Amino acid sequence: MAQGKLKAKAQLPKDVKNKKSAKKGSAITKRANRPIQPKKKGIVEAKKLKQIVHKNVNKAIEEELRSRATSDNKSLSAAQKAVAEYHKKGASGPS
């Protein structure tokens, strides 16, 4: 058991307490006039561009291989002939 008096806790003067409470308020944001744009829009656009480039490169490679195969007079299989005719007609596939 504690013997003797408990020590009194030190207290700040009343005017200091009032100054602290008066200072508190809404935080100042430095970005109020400069909002940050969402990243998703840029990522989606970059992905679309990458897909377009990928598709065009693959198409060019396929056309080059097709032209090499036809210039060497190598016979294509029935399925490959059907695909070649389909592309010659200019039909667009599903996007």
PDB file of N, CA and C in Angstrom:
ATOM      1  N   MET A   1       0.821  -1.181   0.000  1.00  0.00           N
ATOM      2  CA  MET A   1       0.000   0.000   0.000  1.00  0.00           C
ATOM      3  C   MET A   1       0.867   1.246   0.000  1.00  0.00           C
ATOM      4  N   ALA A   2       0.389   2.215  -0.702  1.00  0.00           N
ATOM      5  CA  ALA A   2       1.137   3.462  -0.768  1.00  0.00           C
ATOM      6  C   ALA A   2       0.961   4.225   0.528  1.00  0.00           C
ATOM      7  N   GLN A   3       2.066   4.717   0.989  1.00  0.00           N
ATOM      8  CA  GLN A   3       1.986   5.502   2.218  1.00  0.00           C
ATOM      9  C   GLN A   3       2.361   6.931   1.898  1.00  0.00           C
ATOM     10  N   GLY A   4       1.646   7.821   2.374  1.00  0.00           N
ATOM     11  CA  GLY A   4       1.900   9.217   2.113  1.00  0.00           C
ATOM     12  C   GLY A   4       0.966   9.747   1.039  1.00  0.00           C
ATOM     13  N   LYS A   5       1.175  11.004   0.737  1.00  0.00           N
ATOM     14  CA  LYS A   5       0.324  11.678  -0.234  1.00  0.00           C
ATOM     15  C   LYS A   5       0.760  11.355  -1.666  1.00  0.00           C
ATOM     16  N   LEU A   6      -0.191  11.332  -2.585  1.00  0.00           N
ATOM     17  CA  LEU A   6       0.142  11.187  -4.001  1.00  0.00           C
ATOM     18  C   LEU A   6       0.626  12.526  -4.537  1.00  0.00           C
ATOM     19  N   LYS A   7       1.545  12.457  -5.485  1.00  0.00           N
ATOM     20  CA  LYS A   7       2.070  13.689  -6.068  1.00  0.00           C
ATOM     21  C   LYS A   7       1.010  14.295  -6.984  1.00  0.00           C
ATOM     22  N   ALA A   8       0.888  15.573  -6.949  1.00  0.00           N
ATOM     23  CA  ALA A   8      -0.055  16.271  -7.818  1.00  0.00           C
ATOM     24  C   ALA A   8       0.569  16.385  -9.208  1.00  0.00           C
ATOM     25  N   LYS A   9      -0.228  16.136 -10.230  1.00  0.00           N
ATOM     26  CA  LYS A   9       0.269  16.233 -11.600  1.00  0.00           C
ATOM     27  C   LYS A   9       0.373  17.701 -11.991  1.00  0.00           C
ATOM     28  N   ALA A  10       1.414  18.001 -12.741  1.00  0.00           N
ATOM     29  CA  ALA A  10       1.610  19.377 -13.190  1.00  0.00           C
ATOM     30  C   ALA A  10       0.579  19.698 -14.255  1.00  0.00           C
ATOM     31  N   GLN A  11       0.007  20.863 -14.169  1.00  0.00           N
ATOM     32  CA  GLN A  11      -1.002  21.285 -15.131  1.00  0.00           C
ATOM     33  C   GLN A  11      -0.544  22.553 -15.828  1.00  0.00           C
ATOM     34  N   LEU A  12      -0.908  22.655 -17.101  1.00  0.00           N
ATOM     35  CA  LEU A  12      -0.569  23.842 -17.869  1.00  0.00           C
ATOM     36  C   LEU A  12      -1.485  24.987 -17.463  1.00  0.00           C
ATOM     37  N   PRO A  13      -1.003  26.200 -17.608  1.00  0.00           N
ATOM     38  CA  PRO A  13      -1.876  27.345 -17.337  1.00  0.00           C
ATOM     39  C   PRO A  13      -3.040  27.367 -18.323  1.00  0.00           C
ATOM     40  N   LYS A  14      -4.145  27.968 -17.908  1.00  0.00           N
ATOM     41  CA  LYS A  14      -5.358  27.972 -18.730  1.00  0.00           C
ATOM     42  C   LYS A  14      -5.164  28.691 -20.056  1.00  0.00           C
ATOM     43  N   ASP A  15      -4.400  29.769 -20.076  1.00  0.00           N
ATOM     44  CA  ASP A  15      -4.224  30.504 -21.326  1.00  0.00           C
ATOM     45  C   ASP A  15      -3.445  29.691 -22.367  1.00  0.00           C
ATOM     46  N   VAL A  16      -2.531  28.827 -21.946  1.00  0.00           N
ATOM     47  CA  VAL A  16      -1.792  27.977 -22.877  1.00  0.00           C
ATOM     48  C   VAL A  16      -2.725  26.923 -23.467  1.00  0.00           C
ATOM     49  N   LYS A  17      -3.599  26.371 -22.651  1.00  0.00           N
ATOM     50  CA  LYS A  17      -4.561  25.381 -23.141  1.00  0.00           C
ATOM     51  C   LYS A  17      -5.457  25.985 -24.209  1.00  0.00           C
ATOM     52  N   ASN A  18      -5.893  27.201 -23.996  1.00  0.00           N
ATOM     53  CA  ASN A  18      -6.781  27.863 -24.956  1.00  0.00           C
ATOM     54  C   ASN A  18      -6.067  28.120 -26.280  1.00  0.00           C
ATOM     55  N   LYS A  19      -4.776  28.456 -26.244  1.00  0.00           N
ATOM     56  CA  LYS A  19      -4.033  28.710 -27.476  1.00  0.00           C
ATOM     57  C   LYS A  19      -3.928  27.441 -28.316  1.00  0.00           C
ATOM     58  N   LYS A  20      -3.682  26.314 -27.659  1.00  0.00           N
ATOM     59  CA  LYS A  20      -3.567  25.056 -28.390  1.00  0.00           C
ATOM     60  C   LYS A  20      -4.881  24.694 -29.067  1.00  0.00           C
ATOM     61  N   SER A  21      -5.980  24.843 -28.358  1.00  0.00           N
ATOM     62  CA  SER A  21      -7.267  24.479 -28.940  1.00  0.00           C
ATOM     63  C   SER A  21      -7.662  25.446 -30.046  1.00  0.00           C
ATOM     64  N   ALA A  22      -7.223  26.690 -29.950  1.00  0.00           N
ATOM     65  CA  ALA A  22      -7.550  27.665 -30.986  1.00  0.00           C
ATOM     66  C   ALA A  22      -6.773  27.372 -32.268  1.00  0.00           C
ATOM     67  N   LYS A  23      -5.567  26.817 -32.150  1.00  0.00           N
ATOM     68  CA  LYS A  23      -4.752  26.518 -33.321  1.00  0.00           C
ATOM     69  C   LYS A  23      -5.337  25.379 -34.140  1.00  0.00           C
ATOM     70  N   LYS A  24      -5.972  24.441 -33.469  1.00  0.00           N
ATOM     71  CA  LYS A  24      -6.510  23.293 -34.193  1.00  0.00           C
ATOM     72  C   LYS A  24      -7.635  23.742 -35.111  1.00  0.00           C
ATOM     73  N   GLY A  25      -7.622  23.198 -36.273  1.00  0.00           N
ATOM     74  CA  GLY A  25      -8.643  23.518 -37.253  1.00  0.00           C
ATOM     75  C   GLY A  25      -8.458  22.596 -38.440  1.00  0.00           C
ATOM     76  N   SER A  26      -8.960  23.002 -39.567  1.00  0.00           N
ATOM     77  CA  SER A  26      -8.797  22.159 -40.747  1.00  0.00           C
ATOM     78  C   SER A  26      -7.346  22.215 -41.210  1.00  0.00           C
ATOM     79  N   ALA A  27      -6.857  21.078 -41.631  1.00  0.00           N
ATOM     80  CA  ALA A  27      -5.479  21.000 -42.100  1.00  0.00           C
ATOM     81  C   ALA A  27      -5.355  21.728 -43.429  1.00  0.00           C
ATOM     82  N   ILE A  28      -4.232  22.350 -43.643  1.00  0.00           N
ATOM     83  CA  ILE A  28      -4.001  23.081 -44.887  1.00  0.00           C
ATOM     84  C   ILE A  28      -3.465  22.099 -45.918  1.00  0.00           C
ATOM     85  N   THR A  29      -4.159  22.005 -47.022  1.00  0.00           N
ATOM     86  CA  THR A  29      -3.700  21.122 -48.089  1.00  0.00           C
ATOM     87  C   THR A  29      -3.044  21.970 -49.167  1.00  0.00           C
ATOM     88  N   LYS A  30      -1.865  21.582 -49.546  1.00  0.00           N
ATOM     89  CA  LYS A  30      -1.138  22.332 -50.564  1.00  0.00           C
ATOM     90  C   LYS A  30      -1.595  21.945 -51.963  1.00  0.00           C
ATOM     91  N   ARG A  31      -2.334  20.863 -52.093  1.00  0.00           N
ATOM     92  CA  ARG A  31      -2.760  20.378 -53.402  1.00  0.00           C
ATOM     93  C   ARG A  31      -4.187  20.801 -53.748  1.00  0.00           C
ATOM     94  N   ALA A  32      -4.726  21.757 -53.055  1.00  0.00           N
ATOM     95  CA  ALA A  32      -6.110  22.152 -53.313  1.00  0.00           C
ATOM     96  C   ALA A  32      -6.295  22.628 -54.747  1.00  0.00           C
ATOM     97  N   ASN A  33      -5.319  23.339 -55.264  1.00  0.00           N
ATOM     98  CA  ASN A  33      -5.443  23.876 -56.620  1.00  0.00           C
ATOM     99  C   ASN A  33      -4.788  22.983 -57.666  1.00  0.00           C
ATOM    100  N   ARG A  34      -4.160  21.894 -57.221  1.00  0.00           N
ATOM    101  CA  ARG A  34      -3.477  20.995 -58.148  1.00  0.00           C
ATOM    102  C   ARG A  34      -3.931  19.565 -57.903  1.00  0.00           C
ATOM    103  N   PRO A  35      -5.117  19.199 -58.336  1.00  0.00           N
ATOM    104  CA  PRO A  35      -5.594  17.832 -58.072  1.00  0.00           C
ATOM    105  C   PRO A  35      -4.774  16.799 -58.840  1.00  0.00           C
ATOM    106  N   ILE A  36      -4.620  15.636 -58.259  1.00  0.00           N
ATOM    107  CA  ILE A  36      -3.868  14.545 -58.873  1.00  0.00           C
ATOM    108  C   ILE A  36      -4.813  13.744 -59.764  1.00  0.00           C
ATOM    109  N   GLN A  37      -4.407  13.552 -61.000  1.00  0.00           N
ATOM    110  CA  GLN A  37      -5.244  12.811 -61.936  1.00  0.00           C
ATOM    111  C   GLN A  37      -5.184  11.318 -61.618  1.00  0.00           C
ATOM    112  N   PRO A  38      -6.271  10.604 -61.859  1.00  0.00           N
ATOM    113  CA  PRO A  38      -6.252   9.155 -61.615  1.00  0.00           C
ATOM    114  C   PRO A  38      -5.311   8.458 -62.596  1.00  0.00           C
ATOM    115  N   LYS A  39      -4.652   7.407 -62.120  1.00  0.00           N
ATOM    116  CA  LYS A  39      -3.672   6.690 -62.930  1.00  0.00           C
ATOM    117  C   LYS A  39      -4.327   5.719 -63.904  1.00  0.00           C
ATOM    118  N   LYS A  40      -5.528   5.267 -63.597  1.00  0.00           N
ATOM    119  CA  LYS A  40      -6.145   4.204 -64.384  1.00  0.00           C
ATOM    120  C   LYS A  40      -6.331   4.609 -65.846  1.00  0.00           C
ATOM    121  N   LYS A  41      -6.723   5.853 -66.089  1.00  0.00           N
ATOM    122  CA  LYS A  41      -6.974   6.294 -67.458  1.00  0.00           C
ATOM    123  C   LYS A  41      -5.714   6.163 -68.311  1.00  0.00           C
ATOM    124  N   GLY A  42      -4.593   6.584 -67.788  1.00  0.00           N
ATOM    125  CA  GLY A  42      -3.335   6.481 -68.523  1.00  0.00           C
ATOM    126  C   GLY A  42      -2.926   5.044 -68.760  1.00  0.00           C
ATOM    127  N   ILE A  43      -3.153   4.191 -67.769  1.00  0.00           N
ATOM    128  CA  ILE A  43      -2.794   2.779 -67.898  1.00  0.00           C
ATOM    129  C   ILE A  43      -3.641   2.111 -68.971  1.00  0.00           C
ATOM    130  N   VAL A  44      -4.934   2.429 -68.988  1.00  0.00           N
ATOM    131  CA  VAL A  44      -5.838   1.841 -69.986  1.00  0.00           C
ATOM    132  C   VAL A  44      -5.436   2.293 -71.390  1.00  0.00           C
ATOM    133  N   GLU A  45      -5.110   3.575 -71.546  1.00  0.00           N
ATOM    134  CA  GLU A  45      -4.698   4.071 -72.859  1.00  0.00           C
ATOM    135  C   GLU A  45      -3.401   3.411 -73.318  1.00  0.00           C
ATOM    136  N   ALA A  46      -2.467   3.240 -72.405  1.00  0.00           N
ATOM    137  CA  ALA A  46      -1.198   2.595 -72.753  1.00  0.00           C
ATOM    138  C   ALA A  46      -1.425   1.149 -73.169  1.00  0.00           C
ATOM    139  N   LYS A  47      -2.336   0.469 -72.477  1.00  0.00           N
ATOM    140  CA  LYS A  47      -2.629  -0.928 -72.809  1.00  0.00           C
ATOM    141  C   LYS A  47      -3.266  -1.033 -74.191  1.00  0.00           C
ATOM    142  N   LYS A  48      -4.191  -0.113 -74.506  1.00  0.00           N
ATOM    143  CA  LYS A  48      -4.827  -0.126 -75.826  1.00  0.00           C
ATOM    144  C   LYS A  48      -3.792   0.112 -76.927  1.00  0.00           C
ATOM    145  N   LEU A  49      -2.908   1.072 -76.697  1.00  0.00           N
ATOM    146  CA  LEU A  49      -1.873   1.367 -77.680  1.00  0.00           C
ATOM    147  C   LEU A  49      -0.965   0.163 -77.887  1.00  0.00           C
ATOM    148  N   LYS A  50      -0.610  -0.496 -76.796  1.00  0.00           N
ATOM    149  CA  LYS A  50       0.251  -1.675 -76.878  1.00  0.00           C
ATOM    150  C   LYS A  50      -0.437  -2.789 -77.658  1.00  0.00           C
ATOM    151  N   GLN A  51      -1.748  -2.974 -77.441  1.00  0.00           N
ATOM    152  CA  GLN A  51      -2.489  -4.004 -78.170  1.00  0.00           C
ATOM    153  C   GLN A  51      -2.535  -3.692 -79.662  1.00  0.00           C
ATOM    154  N   ILE A  52      -2.726  -2.429 -80.009  1.00  0.00           N
ATOM    155  CA  ILE A  52      -2.782  -2.037 -81.420  1.00  0.00           C
ATOM    156  C   ILE A  52      -1.438  -2.306 -82.094  1.00  0.00           C
ATOM    157  N   VAL A  53      -0.359  -1.918 -81.420  1.00  0.00           N
ATOM    158  CA  VAL A  53       0.979  -2.149 -81.979  1.00  0.00           C
ATOM    159  C   VAL A  53       1.229  -3.643 -82.134  1.00  0.00           C
ATOM    160  N   HIS A  54       0.864  -4.409 -81.113  1.00  0.00           N
ATOM    161  CA  HIS A  54       1.054  -5.862 -81.135  1.00  0.00           C
ATOM    162  C   HIS A  54       0.296  -6.484 -82.304  1.00  0.00           C
ATOM    163  N   LYS A  55      -0.939  -6.044 -82.494  1.00  0.00           N
ATOM    164  CA  LYS A  55      -1.773  -6.583 -83.572  1.00  0.00           C
ATOM    165  C   LYS A  55      -1.177  -6.244 -84.938  1.00  0.00           C
ATOM    166  N   ASN A  56      -0.717  -4.999 -85.106  1.00  0.00           N
ATOM    167  CA  ASN A  56      -0.147  -4.587 -86.391  1.00  0.00           C
ATOM    168  C   ASN A  56       1.149  -5.328 -86.701  1.00  0.00           C
ATOM    169  N   VAL A  57       1.976  -5.522 -85.688  1.00  0.00           N
ATOM    170  CA  VAL A  57       3.237  -6.246 -85.900  1.00  0.00           C
ATOM    171  C   VAL A  57       2.952  -7.687 -86.297  1.00  0.00           C
ATOM    172  N   ASN A  58       2.035  -8.332 -85.592  1.00  0.00           N
ATOM    173  CA  ASN A  58       1.694  -9.717 -85.924  1.00  0.00           C
ATOM    174  C   ASN A  58       1.118  -9.825 -87.335  1.00  0.00           C
ATOM    175  N   LYS A  59       0.293  -8.842 -87.706  1.00  0.00           N
ATOM    176  CA  LYS A  59      -0.311  -8.858 -89.036  1.00  0.00           C
ATOM    177  C   LYS A  59       0.767  -8.709 -90.114  1.00  0.00           C
ATOM    178  N   ALA A  60       1.725  -7.818 -89.877  1.00  0.00           N
ATOM    179  CA  ALA A  60       2.806  -7.615 -90.844  1.00  0.00           C
ATOM    180  C   ALA A  60       3.666  -8.868 -90.974  1.00  0.00           C
ATOM    181  N   ILE A  61       3.965  -9.499 -89.860  1.00  0.00           N
ATOM    182  CA  ILE A  61       4.768 -10.729 -89.889  1.00  0.00           C
ATOM    183  C   ILE A  61       4.029 -11.825 -90.649  1.00  0.00           C
ATOM    184  N   GLU A  62       2.732 -11.936 -90.384  1.00  0.00           N
ATOM    185  CA  GLU A  62       1.941 -12.969 -91.054  1.00  0.00           C
ATOM    186  C   GLU A  62       1.890 -12.721 -92.561  1.00  0.00           C
ATOM    187  N   GLU A  63       1.727 -11.460 -92.963  1.00  0.00           N
ATOM    188  CA  GLU A  63       1.692 -11.143 -94.390  1.00  0.00           C
ATOM    189  C   GLU A  63       3.036 -11.448 -95.049  1.00  0.00           C
ATOM    190  N   GLU A  64       4.119 -11.153 -94.341  1.00  0.00           N
ATOM    191  CA  GLU A  64       5.444 -11.433 -94.894  1.00  0.00           C
ATOM    192  C   GLU A  64       5.653 -12.935 -95.071  1.00  0.00           C
ATOM    193  N   LEU A  65       5.275 -13.701 -94.070  1.00  0.00           N
ATOM    194  CA  LEU A  65       5.408 -15.157 -94.177  1.00  0.00           C
ATOM    195  C   LEU A  65       4.526 -15.706 -95.289  1.00  0.00           C
ATOM    196  N   ARG A  66       3.331 -15.149 -95.410  1.00  0.00           N
ATOM    197  CA  ARG A  66       2.412 -15.597 -96.449  1.00  0.00           C
ATOM    198  C   ARG A  66       2.988 -15.293 -97.839  1.00  0.00           C
ATOM    199  N   SER A  67       3.587 -14.105 -97.989  1.00  0.00           N
ATOM    200  CA  SER A  67       4.153 -13.744 -99.293  1.00  0.00           C
ATOM    201  C   SER A  67       5.367 -14.617 -99.620  1.00  0.00           C
ATOM    202  N   ARG A  68       6.162 -14.939 -98.603  1.00  0.00           N
ATOM    203  CA  ARG A  68       7.308 -15.831 -98.831  1.00  0.00           C
ATOM    204  C   ARG A  68       6.836 -17.223 -99.245  1.00  0.00           C
ATOM    205  N   ALA A  69       5.792 -17.685 -98.607  1.00  0.00           N
ATOM    206  CA  ALA A  69       5.277 -19.022 -98.924  1.00  0.00           C
ATOM    207  C   ALA A  69       4.720 -19.063-100.343  1.00  0.00           C
ATOM    208  N   THR A  70       4.042 -18.014-100.765  1.00  0.00           N
ATOM    209  CA  THR A  70       3.466 -18.013-102.115  1.00  0.00           C
ATOM    210  C   THR A  70       4.542 -17.765-103.170  1.00  0.00           C
ATOM    211  N   SER A  71       5.582 -17.007-102.833  1.00  0.00           N
ATOM    212  CA  SER A  71       6.628 -16.735-103.823  1.00  0.00           C
ATOM    213  C   SER A  71       7.508 -17.964-104.058  1.00  0.00           C
ATOM    214  N   ASP A  72       7.622 -18.827-103.066  1.00  0.00           N
ATOM    215  CA  ASP A  72       8.426 -20.041-103.213  1.00  0.00           C
ATOM    216  C   ASP A  72       7.630 -21.163-103.876  1.00  0.00           C
ATOM    217  N   ASN A  73       6.395 -20.887-104.241  1.00  0.00           N
ATOM    218  CA  ASN A  73       5.494 -21.854-104.859  1.00  0.00           C
ATOM    219  C   ASN A  73       5.302 -23.097-103.992  1.00  0.00           C
ATOM    220  N   LYS A  74       5.328 -22.901-102.704  1.00  0.00           N
ATOM    221  CA  LYS A  74       5.048 -24.017-101.802  1.00  0.00           C
ATOM    222  C   LYS A  74       3.538 -24.113-101.651  1.00  0.00           C
ATOM    223  N   SER A  75       3.063 -25.337-101.642  1.00  0.00           N
ATOM    224  CA  SER A  75       1.620 -25.504-101.540  1.00  0.00           C
ATOM    225  C   SER A  75       1.184 -25.373-100.082  1.00  0.00           C
ATOM    226  N   LEU A  76       0.073 -24.707 -99.905  1.00  0.00           N
ATOM    227  CA  LEU A  76      -0.494 -24.544 -98.573  1.00  0.00           C
ATOM    228  C   LEU A  76      -1.535 -25.626 -98.343  1.00  0.00           C
ATOM    229  N   SER A  77      -1.792 -25.911 -97.105  1.00  0.00           N
ATOM    230  CA  SER A  77      -2.845 -26.874 -96.799  1.00  0.00           C
ATOM    231  C   SER A  77      -4.196 -26.228 -97.096  1.00  0.00           C
ATOM    232  N   ALA A  78      -5.239 -27.020 -97.080  1.00  0.00           N
ATOM    233  CA  ALA A  78      -6.575 -26.509 -97.391  1.00  0.00           C
ATOM    234  C   ALA A  78      -6.985 -25.432 -96.395  1.00  0.00           C
ATOM    235  N   ALA A  79      -6.661 -25.630 -95.125  1.00  0.00           N
ATOM    236  CA  ALA A  79      -7.025 -24.648 -94.107  1.00  0.00           C
ATOM    237  C   ALA A  79      -6.258 -23.345 -94.326  1.00  0.00           C
ATOM    238  N   GLN A  80      -4.981 -23.458 -94.674  1.00  0.00           N
ATOM    239  CA  GLN A  80      -4.174 -22.267 -94.904  1.00  0.00           C
ATOM    240  C   GLN A  80      -4.644 -21.518 -96.147  1.00  0.00           C
ATOM    241  N   LYS A  81      -5.078 -22.254 -97.162  1.00  0.00           N
ATOM    242  CA  LYS A  81      -5.609 -21.608 -98.362  1.00  0.00           C
ATOM    243  C   LYS A  81      -6.881 -20.836 -98.045  1.00  0.00           C
ATOM    244  N   ALA A  82      -7.724 -21.439 -97.227  1.00  0.00           N
ATOM    245  CA  ALA A  82      -8.971 -20.774 -96.856  1.00  0.00           C
ATOM    246  C   ALA A  82      -8.685 -19.484 -96.090  1.00  0.00           C
ATOM    247  N   VAL A  83      -7.705 -19.537 -95.212  1.00  0.00           N
ATOM    248  CA  VAL A  83      -7.342 -18.342 -94.445  1.00  0.00           C
ATOM    249  C   VAL A  83      -6.761 -17.285 -95.372  1.00  0.00           C
ATOM    250  N   ALA A  84      -5.933 -17.694 -96.328  1.00  0.00           N
ATOM    251  CA  ALA A  84      -5.326 -16.753 -97.263  1.00  0.00           C
ATOM    252  C   ALA A  84      -6.399 -16.074 -98.113  1.00  0.00           C
ATOM    253  N   GLU A  85      -7.370 -16.835 -98.588  1.00  0.00           N
ATOM    254  CA  GLU A  85      -8.454 -16.257 -99.380  1.00  0.00           C
ATOM    255  C   GLU A  85      -9.289 -15.301 -98.543  1.00  0.00           C
ATOM    256  N   TYR A  86      -9.505 -15.676 -97.316  1.00  0.00           N
ATOM    257  CA  TYR A  86     -10.285 -14.841 -96.400  1.00  0.00           C
ATOM    258  C   TYR A  86      -9.605 -13.478 -96.217  1.00  0.00           C
ATOM    259  N   HIS A  87      -8.282 -13.490 -96.073  1.00  0.00           N
ATOM    260  CA  HIS A  87      -7.551 -12.245 -95.877  1.00  0.00           C
ATOM    261  C   HIS A  87      -7.443 -11.446 -97.170  1.00  0.00           C
ATOM    262  N   LYS A  88      -7.408 -12.124 -98.309  1.00  0.00           N
ATOM    263  CA  LYS A  88      -7.343 -11.413 -99.581  1.00  0.00           C
ATOM    264  C   LYS A  88      -8.632 -10.652 -99.847  1.00  0.00           C
ATOM    265  N   LYS A  89      -9.754 -11.216 -99.400  1.00  0.00           N
ATOM    266  CA  LYS A  89     -11.046 -10.560 -99.603  1.00  0.00           C
ATOM    267  C   LYS A  89     -11.159  -9.293 -98.765  1.00  0.00           C
ATOM    268  N   GLY A  90     -10.328  -9.202 -97.732  1.00  0.00           N
ATOM    269  CA  GLY A  90     -10.355  -8.000 -96.895  1.00  0.00           C
ATOM    270  C   GLY A  90     -11.391  -8.066 -95.803  1.00  0.00           C
ATOM    271  N   ALA A  91     -11.886  -9.266 -95.538  1.00  0.00           N
ATOM    272  CA  ALA A  91     -12.874  -9.398 -94.470  1.00  0.00           C
ATOM    273  C   ALA A  91     -12.183  -9.150 -93.144  1.00  0.00           C
ATOM    274  N   SER A  92     -12.863  -8.415 -92.291  1.00  0.00           N
ATOM    275  CA  SER A  92     -12.272  -8.131 -90.977  1.00  0.00           C
ATOM    276  C   SER A  92     -12.800  -9.130 -89.977  1.00  0.00           C
ATOM    277  N   GLY A  93     -11.897  -9.633 -89.164  1.00  0.00           N
ATOM    278  CA  GLY A  93     -12.259 -10.604 -88.136  1.00  0.00           C
ATOM    279  C   GLY A  93     -12.801  -9.900 -86.915  1.00  0.00           C
ATOM    280  N   PRO A  94     -13.150 -10.673 -85.894  1.00  0.00           N
ATOM    281  CA  PRO A  94     -13.651 -10.058 -84.667  1.00  0.00           C
ATOM    282  C   PRO A  94     -12.546  -9.272 -83.976  1.00  0.00           C
ATOM    283  N   SER A  95     -12.910  -8.120 -83.448  1.00  0.00           N
ATOM    284  CA  SER A  95     -11.911  -7.258 -82.816  1.00  0.00           C
ATOM    285  C   SER A  95     -11.844  -7.515 -81.347  1.00  0.00           C
TER     286      SER A  95
END
